[in-house]
Amino acid sequence: MKSGVLASRRQGCSRWLWFGGLGLVVIATMLGVGWAAASVLTPAADPLEATDFTYVSVATGEVGSSISLNTVAEWSPVPVGSNLASGVVTGVAVAAGDEVSSGAVLYRVNERPVVMAQGDVPAFRAIGAGTEGADVAQLQGMLTTLGVYRGTADGRAGAGTVAAVKAWQKASGVPQTGVVDAGDVIFVPTLPTRVSLDSEVIARGKSVAGGEEVVRALPASPVFTVPVTDGQAGMMPTGTRVEITSPEGAVWEGFVLDQVRDEQTGTVTMTLQGANGAVICGADCGQVPVTGQALLGSRIVTVEPVAGLVVPSAALVTGADGQVAVIDDTGERIPVTVAASARGMSVIDGVAEGTRVRLPASESAP
């Protein structure tokens, strides 16, 4: 009897435990479904709306961009005169790059000066009494410049020309023969001009036999170039301004004229010129060494400086209509015009100085 009662009680407890466990499972399931529903039905937070904006004030400033590179300055001398004297070079009177005028002494051979004069016809013979020709007229022009001849440059060596030659020879410290030897004068097309002498031939103690090409004329200025990479060339279109620091610390201004790419090396060479075709180095071209290449520090102005009201470029937003704007600290969108942008900053018009604007800006902002 007792055993039957105990069995009945055990069965009752088992049923209650089963129903209790089922209830817990149902409750847990319902809670899980409720959480899932809540997760699905509740909209996710807009990450843009959740962004914490900082604010910057519109302030007066300047925007511009530049890169630092080397400019190469190099003279390109051209041969203009040959030596016709023979003997030993006993002195050199000009340095490379010196500007010379008619009658200037270049060097001495056997202590006899060799001078420069202007003329298209090179010296080729001795000029004395009775000689006629264009070379005589060129000599008369030099003697006139030196103040020893007052006649007409008619190309005929008369008594007046011979007297002038003797006066010049006396001043030069050479025998007064009245005859100018072919080796005494080197005629060049244009004077005054900057010159350089071939130092391998014309140097104190060197022997010359005549016929050596020794005089080179320099152009009005060196050639200025900037070697760059393809990427840098893309930032330097024609007209880009270049500020060049001269050997003595002055600033010369050049502009990109054209560019040539070397397909073998991949290097792009930008050629520069002065404003409106002027000489970049002006009257100071003598600062550039005549021999070799001079490397001059330079600032390539890729974006010309523009002054005005400045904000970070990240503060700018663009609407569907293309209108650029900033958003102030009240959420108001203020249309602006961008005058210049460089290095993450922009100069803008249309907003008051001191206005606080959002950073970073976002189109989702009200």
Protein backbone atom coordinates (compact mmCIF):
# COMPACT_ATOMS: atom_id res chain seq x y z
CA MET A 1 0.00 0.00 0.00
CA LYS A 2 2.72 2.42 0.93
CA SER A 3 4.72 1.52 -2.10
CA GLY A 4 1.77 2.34 -4.36
CA VAL A 5 1.32 5.75 -2.77
CA LEU A 6 5.00 6.54 -3.18
CA ALA A 7 4.95 5.57 -6.84
CA SER A 8 1.90 7.74 -7.41
CA ARG A 9 3.65 10.72 -5.79
CA ARG A 10 6.77 10.18 -7.88
CA GLN A 11 4.70 10.24 -11.07
CA GLY A 12 3.01 13.47 -9.99
CA CYS A 13 6.30 15.19 -9.29
CA SER A 14 7.68 14.06 -12.62
CA ARG A 15 4.72 15.58 -14.47
CA TRP A 16 5.11 18.88 -12.64
CA LEU A 17 8.81 18.98 -13.36
CA TRP A 18 8.17 18.28 -17.05
CA PHE A 19 5.49 20.96 -17.30
CA GLY A 20 7.73 23.39 -15.35
CA GLY A 21 10.68 22.79 -17.67
CA LEU A 22 8.44 23.21 -20.71
CA GLY A 23 7.21 26.49 -19.30
CA LEU A 24 10.71 27.77 -18.83
CA VAL A 25 11.56 26.83 -22.39
CA VAL A 26 8.45 28.63 -23.68
CA ILE A 27 9.23 31.72 -21.64
CA ALA A 28 12.84 31.76 -22.83
CA THR A 29 11.70 31.30 -26.40
CA MET A 30 9.21 34.14 -26.10
CA LEU A 31 11.86 36.39 -24.61
CA GLY A 32 14.24 35.53 -27.44
CA VAL A 33 11.58 36.22 -30.05
CA GLY A 34 10.76 39.51 -28.40
CA TRP A 35 14.41 40.59 -28.37
CA ALA A 36 14.82 39.62 -32.00
CA ALA A 37 11.70 41.48 -32.99
CA ALA A 38 12.81 44.51 -31.09
CA SER A 39 16.21 44.32 -32.80
CA VAL A 40 14.64 44.02 -36.24
CA LEU A 41 11.95 46.65 -35.79
CA THR A 42 14.13 49.25 -34.08
CA PRO A 43 16.03 51.29 -36.78
CA ALA A 44 19.81 51.23 -36.50
CA ALA A 45 21.49 54.49 -35.51
CA ASP A 46 22.66 56.53 -38.52
CA PRO A 47 26.47 56.45 -38.26
CA LEU A 48 26.61 59.90 -39.87
CA GLU A 49 24.09 61.26 -37.37
CA ALA A 50 26.16 59.70 -34.61
CA THR A 51 29.34 61.41 -35.75
CA ASP A 52 30.69 63.98 -33.32
CA PHE A 53 31.45 67.12 -35.31
CA THR A 54 34.16 69.53 -34.41
CA TYR A 55 33.99 73.15 -35.44
CA VAL A 56 36.52 75.57 -36.85
CA SER A 57 36.28 79.31 -37.30
CA VAL A 58 36.56 80.94 -40.70
CA ALA A 59 39.74 83.02 -40.54
CA THR A 60 41.83 85.26 -42.76
CA GLY A 61 44.78 83.46 -44.32
CA GLU A 62 46.54 82.47 -47.51
CA VAL A 63 46.41 79.31 -49.61
CA GLY A 64 49.10 78.24 -52.05
CA SER A 65 51.31 75.32 -52.95
CA SER A 66 54.89 74.84 -54.11
CA ILE A 67 57.60 72.22 -54.40
CA SER A 68 61.35 72.65 -54.05
CA LEU A 69 63.60 71.46 -56.87
CA ASN A 70 66.92 72.42 -58.44
CA THR A 71 67.16 74.61 -61.51
CA VAL A 72 70.12 73.94 -63.80
CA ALA A 73 71.79 77.05 -65.24
CA GLU A 74 74.28 76.45 -68.04
CA TRP A 75 75.90 78.66 -70.60
CA SER A 76 75.93 77.51 -74.24
CA PRO A 77 78.95 79.26 -75.80
CA VAL A 78 79.42 79.24 -79.58
CA PRO A 79 82.77 79.51 -81.41
CA VAL A 80 83.27 82.97 -82.92
CA GLY A 81 86.99 83.49 -83.47
CA SER A 82 90.29 81.78 -84.20
CA ASN A 83 93.82 82.63 -83.18
CA LEU A 84 96.19 83.52 -86.06
CA ALA A 85 99.19 84.52 -83.95
CA SER A 86 102.13 82.16 -83.45
CA GLY A 87 104.46 81.92 -80.51
CA VAL A 88 104.10 81.56 -76.76
CA VAL A 89 101.13 82.84 -74.81
CA THR A 90 102.64 85.30 -72.36
CA GLY A 91 99.45 86.53 -70.71
CA VAL A 92 95.66 86.18 -70.60
CA ALA A 93 93.67 89.39 -70.13
CA VAL A 94 90.06 88.17 -69.83
CA ALA A 95 88.33 85.69 -67.59
CA ALA A 96 85.54 83.38 -68.69
CA GLY A 97 82.30 85.32 -68.85
CA ASP A 98 83.86 88.79 -69.05
CA GLU A 99 82.04 91.24 -71.28
CA VAL A 100 84.39 92.73 -73.86
CA SER A 101 84.08 95.65 -76.25
CA SER A 102 85.88 96.67 -79.42
CA GLY A 103 89.63 97.01 -78.91
CA ALA A 104 89.73 94.94 -75.70
CA VAL A 105 92.86 92.83 -75.25
CA LEU A 106 92.11 89.09 -75.00
CA TYR A 107 95.61 87.66 -74.53
CA ARG A 108 99.23 88.22 -75.52
CA VAL A 109 101.50 86.14 -77.72
CA ASN A 110 105.21 86.94 -77.44
CA GLU A 111 104.04 90.01 -75.50
CA ARG A 112 102.11 91.27 -78.52
CA PRO A 113 98.42 91.91 -77.66
CA VAL A 114 95.64 90.13 -79.50
CA VAL A 115 92.51 92.28 -79.48
CA MET A 116 88.87 91.85 -80.37
CA ALA A 117 86.99 93.96 -82.90
CA GLN A 118 83.55 93.80 -84.47
CA GLY A 119 83.14 92.49 -87.99
CA ASP A 120 81.61 89.72 -90.06
CA VAL A 121 84.78 89.08 -92.05
CA PRO A 122 87.44 87.18 -90.04
CA ALA A 123 91.01 88.45 -90.07
CA PHE A 124 92.93 86.75 -92.87
CA ARG A 125 95.76 89.10 -93.92
CA ALA A 126 97.99 91.94 -92.84
CA ILE A 127 96.49 95.41 -93.26
CA GLY A 128 98.80 98.27 -94.19
CA ALA A 129 99.03 101.27 -96.51
CA GLY A 130 97.00 100.74 -99.67
CA THR A 131 95.01 97.71 -98.42
CA GLU A 132 91.32 97.83 -99.29
CA GLY A 133 88.32 95.74 -98.30
CA ALA A 134 85.67 95.03 -95.69
CA ASP A 135 88.29 93.93 -93.18
CA VAL A 136 89.93 97.37 -93.49
CA ALA A 137 86.59 99.06 -92.74
CA GLN A 138 86.21 96.80 -89.69
CA LEU A 139 89.67 97.82 -88.47
CA GLN A 140 88.86 101.49 -89.05
CA GLY A 141 85.71 101.04 -86.92
CA MET A 142 87.81 99.67 -84.03
CA LEU A 143 90.35 102.51 -84.34
CA THR A 144 87.47 105.00 -84.27
CA THR A 145 86.12 103.42 -81.07
CA LEU A 146 89.57 103.71 -79.49
CA GLY A 147 89.70 107.40 -80.41
CA VAL A 148 92.78 107.27 -82.66
CA TYR A 149 91.03 107.52 -86.06
CA ARG A 150 88.73 110.33 -87.12
CA GLY A 151 88.29 109.55 -90.77
CA THR A 152 85.61 107.64 -92.61
CA ALA A 153 85.41 103.86 -92.37
CA ASP A 154 85.64 103.58 -96.16
CA GLY A 155 87.63 100.36 -96.35
CA ARG A 156 90.77 102.00 -97.78
CA ALA A 157 93.96 102.14 -95.68
CA GLY A 158 95.23 105.61 -96.51
CA ALA A 159 97.61 107.86 -94.61
CA GLY A 160 95.04 108.59 -91.93
CA THR A 161 94.48 104.90 -91.26
CA VAL A 162 98.22 104.18 -91.13
CA ALA A 163 98.73 107.06 -88.68
CA ALA A 164 95.91 105.74 -86.51
CA VAL A 165 97.45 102.26 -86.52
CA LYS A 166 100.80 103.68 -85.39
CA ALA A 167 99.12 105.62 -82.58
CA TRP A 168 97.35 102.45 -81.44
CA GLN A 169 100.59 100.44 -81.60
CA LYS A 170 102.39 103.03 -79.52
CA ALA A 171 99.69 102.88 -76.84
CA SER A 172 99.87 99.07 -76.91
CA GLY A 173 103.65 99.04 -76.43
CA VAL A 174 104.53 97.33 -79.70
CA PRO A 175 106.69 98.49 -82.63
CA GLN A 176 105.01 101.27 -84.65
CA THR A 177 105.07 99.67 -88.08
CA GLY A 178 101.75 101.02 -89.32
CA VAL A 179 100.84 97.44 -90.32
CA VAL A 180 98.31 95.27 -88.45
CA ASP A 181 99.23 91.61 -88.70
CA ALA A 182 96.49 89.00 -89.20
CA GLY A 183 97.15 87.63 -85.72
CA ASP A 184 96.73 91.01 -84.01
CA VAL A 185 92.92 91.20 -84.28
CA ILE A 186 90.09 88.69 -83.93
CA PHE A 187 86.87 89.91 -85.54
CA VAL A 188 83.55 88.73 -84.07
CA PRO A 189 80.03 89.46 -85.36
CA THR A 190 78.64 91.31 -82.32
CA LEU A 191 80.10 93.52 -79.61
CA PRO A 192 80.00 94.00 -76.73
CA THR A 193 79.66 90.33 -75.81
CA ARG A 194 80.60 87.92 -73.06
CA VAL A 195 83.41 85.62 -74.05
CA SER A 196 85.36 82.64 -72.87
CA LEU A 197 88.72 81.42 -74.15
CA ASP A 198 89.68 77.81 -74.68
CA SER A 199 91.87 77.37 -71.61
CA GLU A 200 93.41 74.22 -73.08
CA VAL A 201 94.95 76.37 -75.83
CA ILE A 202 95.16 79.90 -74.45
CA ALA A 203 97.00 79.71 -71.16
CA ARG A 204 100.24 81.29 -69.95
CA GLY A 205 103.20 79.32 -71.33
CA LYS A 206 101.22 77.49 -74.02
CA SER A 207 102.53 77.52 -77.59
CA VAL A 208 100.22 78.45 -80.46
CA ALA A 209 100.85 78.07 -84.15
CA GLY A 210 97.81 79.85 -85.61
CA GLY A 211 94.48 78.43 -86.73
CA GLU A 212 93.26 77.37 -83.29
CA GLU A 213 89.58 78.06 -82.56
CA VAL A 214 89.92 79.77 -79.21
CA VAL A 215 87.23 82.43 -78.72
CA ARG A 216 83.69 81.54 -77.77
CA ALA A 217 80.87 84.00 -77.35
CA LEU A 218 78.24 83.57 -74.70
CA PRO A 219 74.55 84.28 -75.34
CA ALA A 220 72.71 86.99 -73.43
CA SER A 221 72.01 84.58 -70.59
CA PRO A 222 72.50 80.97 -69.55
CA VAL A 223 69.87 78.37 -70.36
CA PHE A 224 67.69 77.60 -67.34
CA THR A 225 66.09 74.14 -67.08
CA VAL A 226 64.42 72.04 -64.39
CA PRO A 227 64.73 68.23 -64.64
CA VAL A 228 61.61 66.56 -63.20
CA THR A 229 59.73 63.28 -63.10
CA ASP A 230 56.56 62.62 -65.09
CA GLY A 231 54.48 63.22 -61.96
CA GLN A 232 56.15 66.53 -61.23
CA ALA A 233 55.82 67.59 -64.86
CA GLY A 234 52.05 67.20 -64.52
CA MET A 235 52.09 69.89 -61.83
CA MET A 236 54.11 72.30 -64.00
CA PRO A 237 52.11 73.33 -67.06
CA THR A 238 53.34 76.07 -69.38
CA GLY A 239 53.42 79.37 -67.51
CA THR A 240 54.17 77.89 -64.07
CA ARG A 241 56.22 80.38 -62.06
CA VAL A 242 59.62 79.37 -60.69
CA GLU A 243 61.50 81.35 -58.05
CA ILE A 244 65.24 80.73 -58.50
CA THR A 245 67.79 81.55 -55.81
CA SER A 246 70.86 83.10 -57.45
CA PRO A 247 74.42 82.17 -56.40
CA GLU A 248 74.53 85.38 -54.35
CA GLY A 249 71.14 84.88 -52.70
CA ALA A 250 68.90 87.05 -54.87
CA VAL A 251 65.65 85.69 -56.28
CA TRP A 252 65.25 85.40 -60.05
CA GLU A 253 61.87 84.69 -61.60
CA GLY A 254 61.31 82.31 -64.48
CA PHE A 255 58.33 80.66 -66.13
CA VAL A 256 57.94 77.26 -67.74
CA LEU A 257 58.21 77.66 -71.51
CA ASP A 258 58.08 74.06 -72.71
CA GLN A 259 59.02 70.53 -71.73
CA VAL A 260 60.92 67.72 -73.44
CA ARG A 261 60.81 64.10 -72.31
CA ASP A 262 63.80 61.78 -72.66
CA GLU A 263 62.26 58.43 -73.53
CA GLN A 264 65.40 56.53 -72.50
CA THR A 265 65.74 57.97 -69.00
CA GLY A 266 62.11 58.97 -68.45
CA THR A 267 63.28 62.40 -67.31
CA VAL A 268 61.32 65.48 -68.33
CA THR A 269 63.28 68.71 -68.84
CA MET A 270 61.35 71.93 -68.30
CA THR A 271 62.85 74.96 -70.08
CA LEU A 272 62.36 78.34 -68.41
CA GLN A 273 62.25 81.91 -69.69
CA GLY A 274 61.89 85.29 -68.03
CA ALA A 275 58.67 87.29 -67.83
CA ASN A 276 57.58 88.36 -71.32
CA GLY A 277 60.72 86.80 -72.78
CA ALA A 278 63.10 88.84 -70.60
CA VAL A 279 66.45 87.49 -69.40
CA ILE A 280 65.90 85.55 -66.17
CA CYS A 281 69.13 86.71 -64.52
CA GLY A 282 68.88 90.28 -65.85
CA ALA A 283 72.12 92.18 -65.36
CA ASP A 284 73.43 89.59 -62.90
CA CYS A 285 74.08 86.69 -65.29
CA GLY A 286 77.76 86.96 -64.48
CA GLN A 287 76.99 85.20 -61.19
CA VAL A 288 76.49 81.95 -63.10
CA PRO A 289 79.78 80.10 -63.69
CA VAL A 290 80.65 79.95 -67.37
CA THR A 291 81.90 76.38 -67.25
CA GLY A 292 79.82 73.38 -66.20
CA GLN A 293 76.34 73.36 -64.74
CA ALA A 294 75.22 75.48 -61.80
CA LEU A 295 72.55 73.93 -59.56
CA LEU A 296 70.34 76.65 -58.10
CA GLY A 297 67.74 76.01 -55.40
CA SER A 298 64.25 76.85 -56.66
CA ARG A 299 60.63 77.00 -55.55
CA ILE A 300 58.13 75.76 -58.12
CA VAL A 301 54.83 77.55 -57.48
CA THR A 302 52.24 74.90 -58.38
CA VAL A 303 49.36 76.96 -56.94
CA GLU A 304 49.78 80.71 -56.77
CA PRO A 305 49.14 82.11 -53.26
CA VAL A 306 45.63 83.51 -52.79
CA ALA A 307 44.69 85.48 -49.66
CA GLY A 308 41.21 85.58 -48.16
CA LEU A 309 38.96 83.74 -45.73
CA VAL A 310 40.26 80.22 -45.23
CA VAL A 311 38.65 76.96 -44.05
CA PRO A 312 39.75 73.33 -44.22
CA SER A 313 38.62 71.84 -47.54
CA ALA A 314 36.95 69.04 -45.57
CA ALA A 315 34.42 71.60 -44.28
CA LEU A 316 33.00 72.05 -47.79
CA VAL A 317 29.90 70.14 -48.93
CA THR A 318 28.39 69.97 -52.39
CA GLY A 319 24.65 69.71 -52.99
CA ALA A 320 22.89 67.85 -55.76
CA ASP A 321 22.73 71.10 -57.69
CA GLY A 322 26.51 71.47 -57.52
CA GLN A 323 26.35 74.35 -55.05
CA VAL A 324 29.29 74.34 -52.60
CA ALA A 325 28.45 75.27 -49.02
CA VAL A 326 29.60 75.16 -45.42
CA ILE A 327 27.41 74.24 -42.45
CA ASP A 328 27.58 76.49 -39.43
CA ASP A 329 27.20 75.52 -35.77
CA THR A 330 23.41 76.00 -35.95
CA GLY A 331 23.10 73.52 -38.81
CA GLU A 332 22.45 76.19 -41.44
CA ARG A 333 23.89 75.56 -44.89
CA ILE A 334 25.70 78.66 -46.21
CA PRO A 335 26.49 78.73 -49.97
CA VAL A 336 30.10 79.76 -50.72
CA THR A 337 32.41 80.22 -53.70
CA VAL A 338 35.84 78.58 -53.66
CA ALA A 339 38.59 80.92 -54.87
CA ALA A 340 41.51 78.52 -54.42
CA SER A 341 42.39 75.19 -52.82
CA ALA A 342 45.74 73.67 -51.88
CA ARG A 343 47.16 71.35 -49.26
CA GLY A 344 43.79 70.67 -47.64
CA MET A 345 42.80 74.32 -47.25
CA SER A 346 40.46 76.52 -49.31
CA VAL A 347 39.89 80.24 -49.73
CA ILE A 348 36.14 80.94 -49.87
CA ASP A 349 33.76 83.85 -50.42
CA GLY A 350 30.21 84.15 -49.10
CA VAL A 351 30.67 83.66 -45.36
CA ALA A 352 31.65 86.05 -42.59
CA GLU A 353 34.99 85.85 -40.82
CA GLY A 354 34.66 84.13 -37.46
CA THR A 355 31.75 81.90 -38.51
CA ARG A 356 32.09 78.45 -36.92
CA VAL A 357 31.64 75.68 -39.45
CA ARG A 358 31.35 71.92 -39.15
CA LEU A 359 34.35 69.68 -39.62
CA PRO A 360 34.15 67.12 -41.07
CA ALA A 361 31.26 68.27 -43.23
CA SER A 362 28.55 65.81 -44.34
CA GLU A 363 25.72 65.89 -46.83
CA SER A 364 23.52 64.10 -44.25
CA ALA A 365 23.80 67.06 -41.94
CA PRO A 366 20.60 69.13 -41.73
